[in-house]
Amino acid sequence: MPEPILMAVATTLATKAATTLFDLVKKKFSGDKAAVATLEAADADKPETVKALAERLEAAESTDKEFAEELRAEWERVNVQQHAESGGVANQISGNVSGKVLQAGDIHGNVSF
């Protein structure tokens, strides 16, 4: 099983949310059609595709330390860390979510969907 950080990177890549991260990995995989196919097939709603991508990333990191450093540096740049000051609110949703989600600070009264 790939380390958790690579699973998080693979999930982000699967959502195509971080274009600089996606472009970095696509460039690295450009000489390997199967790896590019794994990247492009990754779907956050299909955990097996995310795991397959994380395994490809793990293999790429093990053979190219420079890529490993670039990948992790870019991940740190795009990975949003939330912090709320006293009285503030920090909401974050990650992974597969099904059903209704409400992100809010103070709610006064009823909430219905």
Foldseek 3Di string as FASTA:
>chain_A
DFDPVLLVLLLCLQVCVQVVLVVLQCVLCVVPPVLNVLSPPRHLVDSVSSVVNSVVVVVSCVVDVVSVVVNVVVCVVPPDDDDADVLGADDDDDGDDDDDDDGDRDDDDDDDD
